[in-house]
Amino acid sequence: MIVAGVAALALTGCIKEAYMSGNVLTTSDVEAVGIDQNVNGLAVEMMGAGLSGFYGTYGFHIDFGIPSIHIMTDSMLEDLVMCGDYDYNQYNNYAMNLGQGSSGAYPSYFWVCYYKWIHSANVIIAAVPSTSDDPEDLVNRAKALTYRAMCYLDLARLYEPKENDYLEIKDNIKCLTVPVVTEKTTEEEAVDNPRVHRSELFAFIISDLEEALECFAAAGNPTSTTSPCPAIVHGLLARTYIEMGYWEDKDEAFRKDAFRKASDYASKVIAAGYTPLTSQQWHDTGSGFNSASSNNSWVWGLTLASTMTNNLFNFTSMMSNEAFWGYAFVTKPGVSSALYSAMSDADFRKRSFYMPGSGLECELAGNDQARQNTLKYAAPYQSFKFRPARGECYDYSVGVAADHPLMRVEEMYFLKMEAELHVNGLGAAKSLLEDFVNRYRYEDGSYTCSAADETAFVAEMMLQKRAEFWGEGVLLYDYKRLDLGITRKYEGTNFGTDFQFNCEGRSPQWNICIPRTEIQNNVGITDDLNNPDPTQFAS
């Protein structure tokens, strides 16, 4: 994929589209269509149906970009449960840790998608010189730099092999991430492009983000919720520095500085005027978790036009139990019984999950007939968090056109409290957690953090974060960073038998394998330099 992307930089011809299904963006496309349209096209490419080629090649209905990746990563954890028919769940391989080695098609989706998006960003960056003084050019360059940094940050967090209790991480791959491909990478360099040390990749990510801030500033610091802007860059820097705070090969001063920067950048996002979702916004039957413009919480969201999808290849089909046309109506994605039981009845987020007789039912989307049908087939613990667009339960051409969150301000509150735990201690972190929960989530202000040490605090913080970001693709990076385990087998579990396994500390499945095709085409990465096949863990 890297080789094909780099080679395409030199292609001629004119494909007059802002994004191309089954192709990669080329310099001639930028010239023919214009930079603006290609920057917008990159965002569409990230959540369009079938644009990676996985449906055309494998028939996978999971081929709809980053929203699908978010379901994949949540499926590897302990709270996303299919409360209905597992046989229709398109993410069973991720949930069961099957076919996750280098020869598996399912884990290769991460690699192919992210490098495709990186390539598109590289073409745009190459077309806009850093020396330009045109505000429009500077904004487009900043956006492309932000997209590229976001992709590399996700890749770094997915592919860096972290220590675990099950599979040995050999010394020769410790701290290695992924190959770096820039707008200057040649085809010759791409075919011998090794994994880089995390220090090198994170320095590159920070450089992209800092340059993006400079470009935005020179262009007047534009604002947006559906396209990169300074607040989004600050959020990505908070995500970046929180990871660096746990680098065990650095001294205490380095780590503490990283935590301080994570806290500072998270504070910048919060101070930009964003506010956490209210109960009304969270549970809105027409715009709940499907509209970036309906609230002041979303820092970054992607917009999906109904013309770019179909009834199956989209997040709504997979995750909205009120969408009668989709997989979710059959599979019934919901919450683990363990998390549901741990949530307080005073927490309005608990009403996102259906439990007959609990008295916590939320209002349902659609007309009277739709609501009756939803309840008729509802299963305990199923979710009503993600609503079909405009509350349309029957017409998929309307209901699938839902925005998808990439960053909410609530994440910044959690990153700040995690960072403050290491900067100013347990008391400061507890105060931030209690303030957030009582001010924004518990309707009676009854929450008290009882943690007596850092380990207990992390557990309490993560309980609240699990309730907050269920289904949004945020949590895998927290689990991997914090060396947390997963528990699916317990008395009263609602996981199916085939999915009931526990893991003490990190799951080796979270160290994603580099696909076989990359190893065959890039001599810089050999089998010996790949992450270990995690399917051994399942056995």
Protein backbone atom coordinates (compact mmCIF):
# COMPACT_ATOMS: atom_id res chain seq x y z
CA MET A 1 0.00 0.00 0.00
CA ILE A 2 2.85 2.38 0.85
CA VAL A 3 4.64 1.61 -2.40
CA ALA A 4 1.49 2.08 -4.46
CA GLY A 5 0.75 5.37 -2.72
CA VAL A 6 4.21 6.80 -3.28
CA ALA A 7 4.26 5.69 -6.90
CA ALA A 8 0.97 7.44 -7.49
CA LEU A 9 2.63 10.78 -6.73
CA ALA A 10 4.21 10.59 -10.17
CA LEU A 11 1.11 9.47 -12.07
CA THR A 12 -0.40 11.57 -14.81
CA GLY A 13 -4.00 11.68 -15.95
CA CYS A 14 -7.06 13.40 -14.62
CA ILE A 15 -9.65 11.81 -12.35
CA LYS A 16 -12.14 14.58 -11.76
CA GLU A 17 -13.39 13.55 -8.33
CA ALA A 18 -12.63 14.80 -4.86
CA TYR A 19 -12.00 11.22 -3.77
CA MET A 20 -11.66 8.03 -5.75
CA SER A 21 -13.10 4.62 -4.92
CA GLY A 22 -10.39 2.02 -5.43
CA ASN A 23 -7.73 4.62 -6.27
CA VAL A 24 -5.37 7.00 -4.49
CA LEU A 25 -5.22 10.75 -4.77
CA THR A 26 -2.61 12.03 -7.23
CA THR A 27 -1.01 15.38 -7.94
CA SER A 28 -2.99 15.62 -11.17
CA ASP A 29 -6.20 15.30 -9.15
CA VAL A 30 -5.22 18.28 -7.05
CA GLU A 31 -4.51 20.30 -10.18
CA ALA A 32 -7.76 19.27 -11.87
CA VAL A 33 -10.15 19.51 -8.94
CA GLY A 34 -8.50 22.03 -6.65
CA ILE A 35 -7.00 21.75 -3.18
CA ASP A 36 -10.17 22.73 -1.32
CA GLN A 37 -12.20 19.91 -2.83
CA ASN A 38 -9.47 17.38 -2.21
CA VAL A 39 -9.11 18.41 1.43
CA ASN A 40 -12.86 17.97 1.81
CA GLY A 41 -12.64 14.74 -0.15
CA LEU A 42 -10.12 13.34 2.31
CA ALA A 43 -12.64 13.74 5.11
CA VAL A 44 -15.31 12.01 3.04
CA GLU A 45 -12.89 9.23 2.17
CA MET A 46 -12.39 8.55 5.87
CA MET A 47 -16.01 7.42 6.32
CA GLY A 48 -17.29 6.66 2.83
CA ALA A 49 -18.64 3.20 1.98
CA GLY A 50 -16.36 0.79 0.12
CA LEU A 51 -13.58 3.31 -0.53
CA SER A 52 -10.75 1.14 0.83
CA GLY A 53 -11.52 -1.67 -1.60
CA PHE A 54 -12.21 -4.22 1.14
CA TYR A 55 -15.80 -4.73 0.10
CA GLY A 56 -14.83 -5.14 -3.54
CA THR A 57 -12.05 -7.60 -2.65
CA TYR A 58 -13.44 -9.52 0.31
CA GLY A 59 -17.12 -8.60 0.43
CA PHE A 60 -16.68 -7.11 3.92
CA HIS A 61 -19.62 -4.99 5.04
CA ILE A 62 -17.32 -3.33 7.57
CA ASP A 63 -15.73 -1.21 4.85
CA PHE A 64 -16.70 2.31 5.87
CA GLY A 65 -13.52 3.83 7.22
CA ILE A 66 -12.81 5.27 10.62
CA PRO A 67 -16.29 4.77 12.13
CA SER A 68 -15.84 1.06 11.40
CA ILE A 69 -12.36 1.12 12.93
CA HIS A 70 -13.93 2.52 16.09
CA ILE A 71 -16.27 -0.48 16.28
CA MET A 72 -13.32 -2.80 15.68
CA THR A 73 -11.32 -1.41 18.58
CA ASP A 74 -14.30 -1.37 20.96
CA SER A 75 -15.03 -4.97 20.00
CA MET A 76 -11.61 -5.93 21.41
CA LEU A 77 -12.57 -4.67 24.88
CA GLU A 78 -15.05 -5.72 27.56
CA ASP A 79 -18.20 -3.64 27.20
CA LEU A 80 -19.51 -3.97 23.62
CA VAL A 81 -21.86 -6.95 23.65
CA MET A 82 -24.20 -8.27 20.98
CA CYS A 83 -27.47 -8.76 22.86
CA GLY A 84 -29.16 -10.33 19.84
CA ASP A 85 -28.01 -12.67 17.07
CA TYR A 86 -24.21 -13.01 17.10
CA ASP A 87 -24.23 -14.72 13.72
CA TYR A 88 -25.00 -11.41 12.01
CA ASN A 89 -22.30 -9.46 13.83
CA GLN A 90 -19.70 -8.32 11.30
CA TYR A 91 -17.07 -7.78 14.01
CA ASN A 92 -16.91 -11.25 15.57
CA ASN A 93 -13.31 -11.78 14.44
CA TYR A 94 -12.21 -8.75 16.43
CA ALA A 95 -14.28 -9.68 19.47
CA MET A 96 -13.06 -13.30 19.45
CA ASN A 97 -9.42 -12.58 18.48
CA LEU A 98 -9.68 -14.74 15.37
CA GLY A 99 -7.60 -14.23 12.23
CA GLN A 100 -5.70 -11.34 13.80
CA GLY A 101 -2.25 -12.40 12.62
CA SER A 102 -0.25 -10.90 9.74
CA SER A 103 -2.04 -13.01 7.12
CA GLY A 104 -5.52 -12.04 8.30
CA ALA A 105 -7.58 -9.66 6.21
CA TYR A 106 -9.40 -8.20 9.20
CA PRO A 107 -6.43 -6.61 11.02
CA SER A 108 -4.97 -5.35 7.74
CA TYR A 109 -7.88 -2.93 7.47
CA PHE A 110 -6.17 -0.56 9.90
CA TRP A 111 -2.97 -0.47 7.84
CA VAL A 112 -4.59 -0.05 4.44
CA CYS A 113 -7.00 2.69 5.54
CA TYR A 114 -4.59 4.83 7.52
CA TYR A 115 -1.85 4.75 4.90
CA LYS A 116 -4.37 5.55 2.17
CA TRP A 117 -5.46 8.62 4.12
CA ILE A 118 -1.84 9.56 4.86
CA HIS A 119 -1.09 9.39 1.16
CA SER A 120 -3.98 11.72 0.34
CA ALA A 121 -2.72 14.15 2.98
CA ASN A 122 0.81 13.94 1.56
CA VAL A 123 -0.36 14.89 -1.91
CA ILE A 124 -2.13 17.96 -0.54
CA ILE A 125 0.88 18.95 1.59
CA ALA A 126 3.14 18.63 -1.46
CA ALA A 127 0.83 20.89 -3.44
CA VAL A 128 0.83 23.71 -0.86
CA PRO A 129 4.28 25.11 -0.07
CA SER A 130 5.05 25.99 3.52
CA THR A 131 6.29 29.37 2.28
CA SER A 132 2.88 30.40 0.94
CA ASP A 133 1.35 33.55 2.41
CA ASP A 134 -2.11 32.90 1.00
CA PRO A 135 -4.54 32.29 3.93
CA GLU A 136 -6.54 29.73 1.99
CA ASP A 137 -3.41 27.76 1.12
CA LEU A 138 -2.22 27.90 4.72
CA VAL A 139 -5.53 26.57 6.04
CA ASN A 140 -5.50 23.69 3.56
CA ARG A 141 -1.91 22.82 4.45
CA ALA A 142 -2.77 22.94 8.15
CA LYS A 143 -5.75 20.66 7.65
CA ALA A 144 -3.70 18.11 5.73
CA LEU A 145 -0.97 18.20 8.39
CA THR A 146 -3.60 17.61 11.06
CA TYR A 147 -5.11 14.65 9.23
CA ARG A 148 -1.67 13.14 8.72
CA ALA A 149 -0.73 13.59 12.37
CA MET A 150 -4.01 12.04 13.51
CA CYS A 151 -3.41 8.99 11.32
CA TYR A 152 0.16 8.50 12.52
CA LEU A 153 -0.87 8.91 16.14
CA ASP A 154 -3.50 6.19 15.77
CA LEU A 155 -1.01 3.95 13.95
CA ALA A 156 1.60 4.49 16.66
CA ARG A 157 -0.85 3.55 19.38
CA LEU A 158 -2.14 0.52 17.50
CA TYR A 159 1.16 -0.96 16.33
CA GLU A 160 3.68 -0.21 19.08
CA PRO A 161 4.04 -3.57 20.88
CA LYS A 162 3.40 -3.18 24.59
CA GLU A 163 4.47 -5.66 27.24
CA ASN A 164 1.83 -8.16 28.36
CA ASP A 165 1.65 -11.33 30.43
CA TYR A 166 0.92 -13.67 27.52
CA LEU A 167 3.20 -13.15 24.52
CA GLU A 168 6.84 -12.10 24.72
CA ILE A 169 7.79 -8.79 23.13
CA LYS A 170 11.27 -9.39 21.77
CA ASP A 171 13.93 -6.75 22.36
CA ASN A 172 14.33 -6.07 18.63
CA ILE A 173 10.76 -4.75 18.28
CA LYS A 174 10.31 -2.91 21.58
CA CYS A 175 9.25 0.72 21.09
CA LEU A 176 8.95 0.27 17.31
CA THR A 177 5.93 1.79 15.59
CA VAL A 178 5.35 2.05 11.82
CA PRO A 179 7.19 3.30 8.72
CA VAL A 180 6.96 7.03 8.04
CA VAL A 181 5.90 8.12 4.56
CA THR A 182 5.89 11.83 3.80
CA GLU A 183 5.29 13.96 0.73
CA LYS A 184 9.04 13.63 0.05
CA THR A 185 9.34 9.84 0.30
CA THR A 186 10.50 8.25 -2.96
CA GLU A 187 9.44 4.88 -4.30
CA GLU A 188 12.94 3.56 -3.66
CA GLU A 189 12.74 4.66 -0.04
CA ALA A 190 9.27 3.18 0.37
CA VAL A 191 10.36 -0.36 -0.55
CA ASP A 192 13.00 -0.30 2.20
CA ASN A 193 11.20 1.60 4.92
CA PRO A 194 11.58 0.14 8.43
CA ARG A 195 9.47 0.67 11.51
CA VAL A 196 10.68 3.75 13.37
CA HIS A 197 11.24 4.14 17.10
CA ARG A 198 8.35 5.79 18.89
CA SER A 199 10.52 8.79 19.80
CA GLU A 200 11.08 9.51 16.11
CA LEU A 201 7.43 9.08 15.12
CA PHE A 202 6.07 11.15 18.00
CA ALA A 203 8.55 13.92 17.21
CA PHE A 204 7.25 13.84 13.63
CA ILE A 205 3.62 13.98 14.83
CA ILE A 206 4.34 16.92 17.12
CA SER A 207 6.18 18.70 14.30
CA ASP A 208 3.15 18.33 12.00
CA LEU A 209 0.79 19.57 14.69
CA GLU A 210 2.96 22.54 15.64
CA GLU A 211 3.29 23.56 12.00
CA ALA A 212 -0.46 23.23 11.61
CA LEU A 213 -0.95 25.63 14.52
CA GLU A 214 1.44 28.11 12.88
CA CYS A 215 -0.44 27.91 9.58
CA PHE A 216 -3.81 28.30 11.27
CA ALA A 217 -2.53 31.30 13.24
CA ALA A 218 -1.22 32.98 10.08
CA ALA A 219 -4.67 32.46 8.51
CA GLY A 220 -6.61 33.92 11.45
CA ASN A 221 -7.30 30.74 13.47
CA PRO A 222 -10.49 29.51 11.79
CA THR A 223 -12.98 27.42 13.77
CA SER A 224 -14.91 24.33 12.70
CA THR A 225 -16.46 21.16 14.08
CA THR A 226 -16.23 19.13 10.89
CA SER A 227 -12.75 20.09 9.68
CA PRO A 228 -9.39 20.56 11.42
CA CYS A 229 -8.89 23.80 13.34
CA PRO A 230 -6.64 24.91 16.24
CA ALA A 231 -8.82 23.32 18.96
CA ILE A 232 -8.60 19.95 17.22
CA VAL A 233 -4.83 20.28 16.99
CA HIS A 234 -4.66 21.04 20.71
CA GLY A 235 -6.75 17.92 21.38
CA LEU A 236 -4.41 15.78 19.30
CA LEU A 237 -1.43 17.20 21.16
CA ALA A 238 -3.11 16.26 24.46
CA ARG A 239 -3.54 12.70 23.16
CA THR A 240 0.08 12.64 22.03
CA TYR A 241 1.67 13.88 25.24
CA ILE A 242 -0.42 11.66 27.54
CA GLU A 243 1.11 8.65 25.75
CA MET A 244 4.63 10.02 26.18
CA GLY A 245 4.08 10.38 29.90
CA TYR A 246 4.23 6.58 30.24
CA TRP A 247 7.47 6.00 28.33
CA GLU A 248 9.44 3.85 30.74
CA ASP A 249 12.72 4.50 28.93
CA LYS A 250 12.58 8.20 29.81
CA ASP A 251 13.43 9.81 33.14
CA GLU A 252 10.91 11.21 35.61
CA ALA A 253 11.47 14.80 34.49
CA PHE A 254 10.63 13.91 30.86
CA ARG A 255 7.50 12.01 31.85
CA LYS A 256 6.24 14.70 34.19
CA ASP A 257 6.77 17.34 31.53
CA ALA A 258 4.79 15.23 29.07
CA PHE A 259 1.92 14.91 31.55
CA ARG A 260 2.03 18.66 32.19
CA LYS A 261 1.80 19.37 28.46
CA ALA A 262 -1.07 16.90 28.10
CA SER A 263 -2.94 18.73 30.85
CA ASP A 264 -2.17 22.13 29.35
CA TYR A 265 -3.36 21.19 25.84
CA ALA A 266 -6.51 19.54 27.18
CA SER A 267 -7.17 22.74 29.13
CA LYS A 268 -6.80 24.78 25.94
CA VAL A 269 -9.59 22.77 24.31
CA ILE A 270 -11.85 23.13 27.33
CA ALA A 271 -11.13 26.86 27.49
CA ALA A 272 -12.10 27.26 23.82
CA GLY A 273 -15.72 27.26 24.94
CA TYR A 274 -16.84 23.68 24.41
CA THR A 275 -19.24 22.24 26.97
CA PRO A 276 -20.14 18.61 27.79
CA LEU A 277 -23.35 17.16 26.44
CA THR A 278 -26.45 17.74 28.51
CA SER A 279 -28.88 14.92 29.27
CA GLN A 280 -31.29 16.34 26.71
CA GLN A 281 -28.63 16.46 24.00
CA TRP A 282 -27.32 13.00 24.86
CA HIS A 283 -30.75 11.37 24.60
CA ASP A 284 -32.22 13.48 21.80
CA THR A 285 -34.16 11.10 19.55
CA GLY A 286 -33.35 13.04 16.40
CA SER A 287 -29.78 14.22 16.95
CA GLY A 288 -28.31 12.03 19.71
CA PHE A 289 -24.73 11.21 18.70
CA ASN A 290 -25.38 11.85 15.04
CA SER A 291 -25.14 15.63 14.60
CA ALA A 292 -22.06 17.77 15.16
CA SER A 293 -24.10 20.96 14.94
CA SER A 294 -26.69 20.02 17.57
CA ASN A 295 -24.46 20.53 20.59
CA ASN A 296 -21.39 22.34 21.90
CA SER A 297 -19.53 19.19 22.91
CA TRP A 298 -18.14 17.89 19.63
CA VAL A 299 -14.70 19.30 18.91
CA TRP A 300 -14.37 17.25 15.72
CA GLY A 301 -16.86 15.20 13.74
CA LEU A 302 -17.08 13.81 10.24
CA THR A 303 -20.17 14.42 8.14
CA LEU A 304 -21.65 11.66 6.00
CA ALA A 305 -23.92 12.45 3.07
CA SER A 306 -26.62 9.89 2.27
CA THR A 307 -25.28 9.73 -1.29
CA MET A 308 -22.01 8.29 0.03
CA THR A 309 -23.38 5.13 1.63
CA ASN A 310 -26.06 2.45 1.48
CA ASN A 311 -28.25 0.61 3.96
CA LEU A 312 -25.46 -1.56 5.41
CA PHE A 313 -22.00 -0.02 5.09
CA ASN A 314 -22.23 2.64 7.77
CA PHE A 315 -22.00 3.21 11.51
CA THR A 316 -25.75 3.65 11.97
CA SER A 317 -26.50 0.29 10.40
CA MET A 318 -24.07 -1.41 12.77
CA MET A 319 -24.74 0.46 16.02
CA SER A 320 -28.24 2.00 16.02
CA ASN A 321 -30.87 -0.39 17.36
CA GLU A 322 -33.63 1.89 16.08
CA ALA A 323 -32.52 1.59 12.43
CA PHE A 324 -34.80 -1.14 11.12
CA TRP A 325 -32.83 -1.61 7.90
CA GLY A 326 -29.46 -2.41 9.47
CA TYR A 327 -27.51 -5.15 11.17
CA ALA A 328 -27.98 -3.59 14.59
CA PHE A 329 -31.70 -4.35 14.64
CA VAL A 330 -30.72 -8.03 14.53
CA THR A 331 -27.44 -8.10 16.48
CA LYS A 332 -28.61 -5.54 19.10
CA PRO A 333 -25.31 -4.02 20.24
CA GLY A 334 -25.39 -3.19 23.91
CA VAL A 335 -23.43 -2.82 27.11
CA SER A 336 -21.88 -5.47 29.32
CA SER A 337 -23.93 -6.39 32.35
CA ALA A 338 -20.89 -5.60 34.51
CA LEU A 339 -20.63 -1.99 33.36
CA TYR A 340 -24.39 -1.50 33.50
CA SER A 341 -24.52 -2.77 37.08
CA ALA A 342 -21.61 -0.53 38.08
CA MET A 343 -23.34 2.60 36.79
CA SER A 344 -25.42 4.60 39.25
CA ASP A 345 -29.11 5.15 38.61
CA ALA A 346 -28.35 8.84 39.15
CA ASP A 347 -26.14 8.77 36.04
CA PHE A 348 -28.21 9.87 33.04
CA ARG A 349 -25.89 7.91 30.72
CA LYS A 350 -27.33 4.69 32.14
CA ARG A 351 -30.59 5.45 30.34
CA SER A 352 -28.74 4.84 27.07
CA PHE A 353 -29.16 1.12 27.73
CA TYR A 354 -32.45 -0.72 27.84
CA MET A 355 -33.42 -2.69 30.91
CA PRO A 356 -37.12 -3.53 31.16
CA GLY A 357 -38.65 -2.64 34.50
CA SER A 358 -35.73 -0.50 35.60
CA GLY A 359 -37.62 2.76 35.40
CA LEU A 360 -34.67 4.21 33.48
CA GLU A 361 -36.11 3.93 29.98
CA CYS A 362 -35.39 6.81 27.61
CA GLU A 363 -37.59 8.23 24.88
CA LEU A 364 -37.42 6.31 21.60
CA ALA A 365 -37.00 7.63 18.07
CA GLY A 366 -39.56 7.53 15.30
CA ASN A 367 -43.33 7.55 15.15
CA ASP A 368 -45.66 5.48 17.34
CA GLN A 369 -45.35 2.42 15.10
CA ALA A 370 -41.56 2.63 15.09
CA ARG A 371 -41.39 2.95 18.87
CA GLN A 372 -43.73 -0.03 19.31
CA ASN A 373 -41.63 -2.17 16.97
CA THR A 374 -38.41 -1.12 18.71
CA LEU A 375 -39.75 -2.17 22.10
CA LYS A 376 -41.30 -5.34 20.72
CA TYR A 377 -37.90 -6.66 19.67
CA ALA A 378 -35.72 -4.99 22.29
CA ALA A 379 -33.29 -7.07 24.36
CA PRO A 380 -31.96 -6.31 27.85
CA TYR A 381 -28.81 -4.15 27.87
CA GLN A 382 -29.13 -3.07 24.22
CA SER A 383 -28.11 0.49 23.41
CA PHE A 384 -30.13 3.53 22.40
CA LYS A 385 -27.10 5.83 22.42
CA PHE A 386 -26.60 6.23 18.67
CA ARG A 387 -29.78 7.46 16.99
CA PRO A 388 -30.48 7.23 13.27
CA ALA A 389 -30.08 10.61 11.60
CA ARG A 390 -33.09 12.87 12.19
CA GLY A 391 -34.66 10.01 14.14
CA GLU A 392 -35.60 8.24 10.89
CA CYS A 393 -36.09 4.56 11.65
CA TYR A 394 -37.39 3.30 8.29
CA ASP A 395 -35.86 5.28 5.40
CA TYR A 396 -32.17 4.44 5.31
CA SER A 397 -31.44 7.17 2.75
CA VAL A 398 -32.25 9.64 5.53
CA GLY A 399 -31.27 7.69 8.63
CA VAL A 400 -27.71 6.79 7.62
CA ALA A 401 -26.64 10.40 6.97
CA ALA A 402 -25.25 10.73 10.49
CA ASP A 403 -22.21 12.67 11.63
CA HIS A 404 -19.57 10.68 13.49
CA PRO A 405 -17.60 12.00 16.49
CA LEU A 406 -13.81 11.98 16.34
CA MET A 407 -13.25 14.12 19.42
CA ARG A 408 -15.54 15.41 22.17
CA VAL A 409 -14.55 17.90 24.84
CA GLU A 410 -15.40 15.30 27.49
CA GLU A 411 -12.27 13.39 26.43
CA MET A 412 -10.21 16.43 27.33
CA TYR A 413 -11.65 16.45 30.86
CA PHE A 414 -10.56 12.84 31.30
CA LEU A 415 -7.10 13.39 29.80
CA LYS A 416 -6.62 16.36 32.09
CA MET A 417 -7.55 14.42 35.23
CA GLU A 418 -5.28 11.52 34.20
CA ALA A 419 -2.40 13.89 33.58
CA GLU A 420 -3.00 15.80 36.82
CA LEU A 421 -2.74 12.53 38.74
CA HIS A 422 0.95 12.50 37.78
CA VAL A 423 1.54 16.26 37.98
CA ASN A 424 -0.27 17.38 41.13
CA GLY A 425 -1.21 14.09 42.76
CA LEU A 426 -4.19 12.01 43.76
CA GLY A 427 -6.14 14.78 45.46
CA ALA A 428 -6.11 17.03 42.39
CA ALA A 429 -7.18 14.17 40.12
CA LYS A 430 -10.00 13.10 42.43
CA SER A 431 -11.28 16.65 42.60
CA LEU A 432 -11.41 16.91 38.81
CA LEU A 433 -13.21 13.57 38.48
CA GLU A 434 -15.81 14.42 41.13
CA ASP A 435 -16.40 17.85 39.63
CA PHE A 436 -16.95 16.44 36.13
CA VAL A 437 -19.28 13.64 37.19
CA ASN A 438 -21.38 15.72 39.59
CA ARG A 439 -21.58 18.76 37.35
CA TYR A 440 -22.26 17.01 34.08
CA ARG A 441 -23.42 13.40 34.58
CA TYR A 442 -25.01 12.58 37.96
CA GLU A 443 -28.38 14.26 38.22
CA ASP A 444 -28.30 14.38 42.03
CA GLY A 445 -24.63 15.33 42.52
CA SER A 446 -24.03 12.27 44.69
CA TYR A 447 -20.74 11.01 43.23
CA THR A 448 -17.73 10.66 45.51
CA CYS A 449 -14.40 9.21 44.41
CA SER A 450 -13.29 6.81 47.13
CA ALA A 451 -9.90 5.93 45.62
CA ALA A 452 -7.12 5.72 48.19
CA ASP A 453 -4.25 5.33 45.71
CA GLU A 454 -3.37 5.83 42.06
CA THR A 455 -4.40 2.32 40.99
CA ALA A 456 -7.82 2.68 42.57
CA PHE A 457 -8.24 6.12 41.03
CA VAL A 458 -7.47 4.84 37.55
CA ALA A 459 -10.10 2.13 38.02
CA GLU A 460 -12.72 4.69 39.10
CA MET A 461 -11.78 7.11 36.34
CA MET A 462 -11.97 4.38 33.73
CA LEU A 463 -15.36 3.24 34.96
CA GLN A 464 -16.66 6.73 34.24
CA LYS A 465 -14.79 6.92 30.95
CA ARG A 466 -16.21 3.57 29.84
CA ALA A 467 -19.71 4.87 30.52
CA GLU A 468 -18.90 8.07 28.66
CA PHE A 469 -17.33 6.69 25.50
CA TRP A 470 -19.00 3.32 25.01
CA GLY A 471 -19.07 2.58 21.28
CA GLU A 472 -17.03 5.62 20.18
CA GLY A 473 -13.63 3.99 19.58
CA VAL A 474 -11.81 6.01 22.23
CA LEU A 475 -11.15 3.42 24.91
CA LEU A 476 -8.69 0.94 23.38
CA TYR A 477 -5.89 3.46 23.61
CA ASP A 478 -6.65 4.01 27.32
CA TYR A 479 -6.66 0.29 28.06
CA LYS A 480 -3.39 -0.25 26.21
CA ARG A 481 -1.68 2.80 27.70
CA LEU A 482 -2.76 2.02 31.28
CA ASP A 483 -2.09 -1.75 31.09
CA LEU A 484 -5.70 -2.63 31.90
CA GLY A 485 -7.27 -6.04 31.47
CA ILE A 486 -10.64 -7.18 30.18
CA THR A 487 -13.19 -9.28 32.02
CA ARG A 488 -15.96 -10.99 30.08
CA LYS A 489 -16.39 -14.21 32.03
CA TYR A 490 -18.13 -13.68 35.36
CA GLU A 491 -21.35 -14.58 37.11
CA GLY A 492 -24.21 -12.88 35.32
CA THR A 493 -22.20 -12.07 32.17
CA ASN A 494 -24.20 -11.32 29.04
CA PHE A 495 -21.37 -12.22 26.67
CA GLY A 496 -21.96 -15.28 24.52
CA THR A 497 -19.98 -18.39 25.46
CA ASP A 498 -17.49 -18.02 22.59
CA PHE A 499 -16.63 -14.51 23.76
CA GLN A 500 -16.14 -15.24 27.44
CA PHE A 501 -12.47 -14.88 28.19
CA ASN A 502 -10.60 -12.74 30.67
CA CYS A 503 -7.22 -11.07 30.36
CA GLU A 504 -4.98 -9.89 33.18
CA GLY A 505 -3.49 -6.63 32.02
CA ARG A 506 -3.01 -5.80 28.35
CA SER A 507 -4.35 -8.12 25.72
CA PRO A 508 -1.69 -9.05 23.14
CA GLN A 509 -4.42 -8.53 20.54
CA TRP A 510 -3.97 -4.78 20.98
CA ASN A 511 -0.49 -5.02 19.45
CA ILE A 512 -1.83 -5.09 15.90
CA CYS A 513 0.14 -7.17 13.39
CA ILE A 514 1.59 -5.60 10.26
CA PRO A 515 -0.05 -7.27 7.24
CA ARG A 516 1.78 -9.89 5.21
CA THR A 517 1.52 -7.84 2.00
CA GLU A 518 3.57 -5.04 3.57
CA ILE A 519 6.28 -7.47 4.65
CA GLN A 520 6.39 -8.93 1.13
CA ASN A 521 6.78 -5.52 -0.49
CA ASN A 522 8.89 -3.66 2.06
CA VAL A 523 12.30 -5.21 2.75
CA GLY A 524 12.68 -2.90 5.71
CA ILE A 525 10.20 -5.02 7.68
CA THR A 526 10.75 -8.76 8.08
CA ASP A 527 8.68 -11.39 9.87
CA ASP A 528 11.12 -11.14 12.74
CA LEU A 529 10.29 -7.43 13.08
CA ASN A 530 6.54 -7.94 13.19
CA ASN A 531 4.38 -8.06 16.31
CA PRO A 532 3.59 -11.59 17.58
CA ASP A 533 0.41 -13.24 16.33
CA PRO A 534 -2.12 -12.66 19.14
CA THR A 535 -4.32 -15.62 18.21
CA GLN A 536 -2.00 -17.77 20.32
CA PHE A 537 -3.41 -15.95 23.33
CA ALA A 538 -6.96 -17.12 22.58
CA SER A 539 -5.92 -20.74 22.81
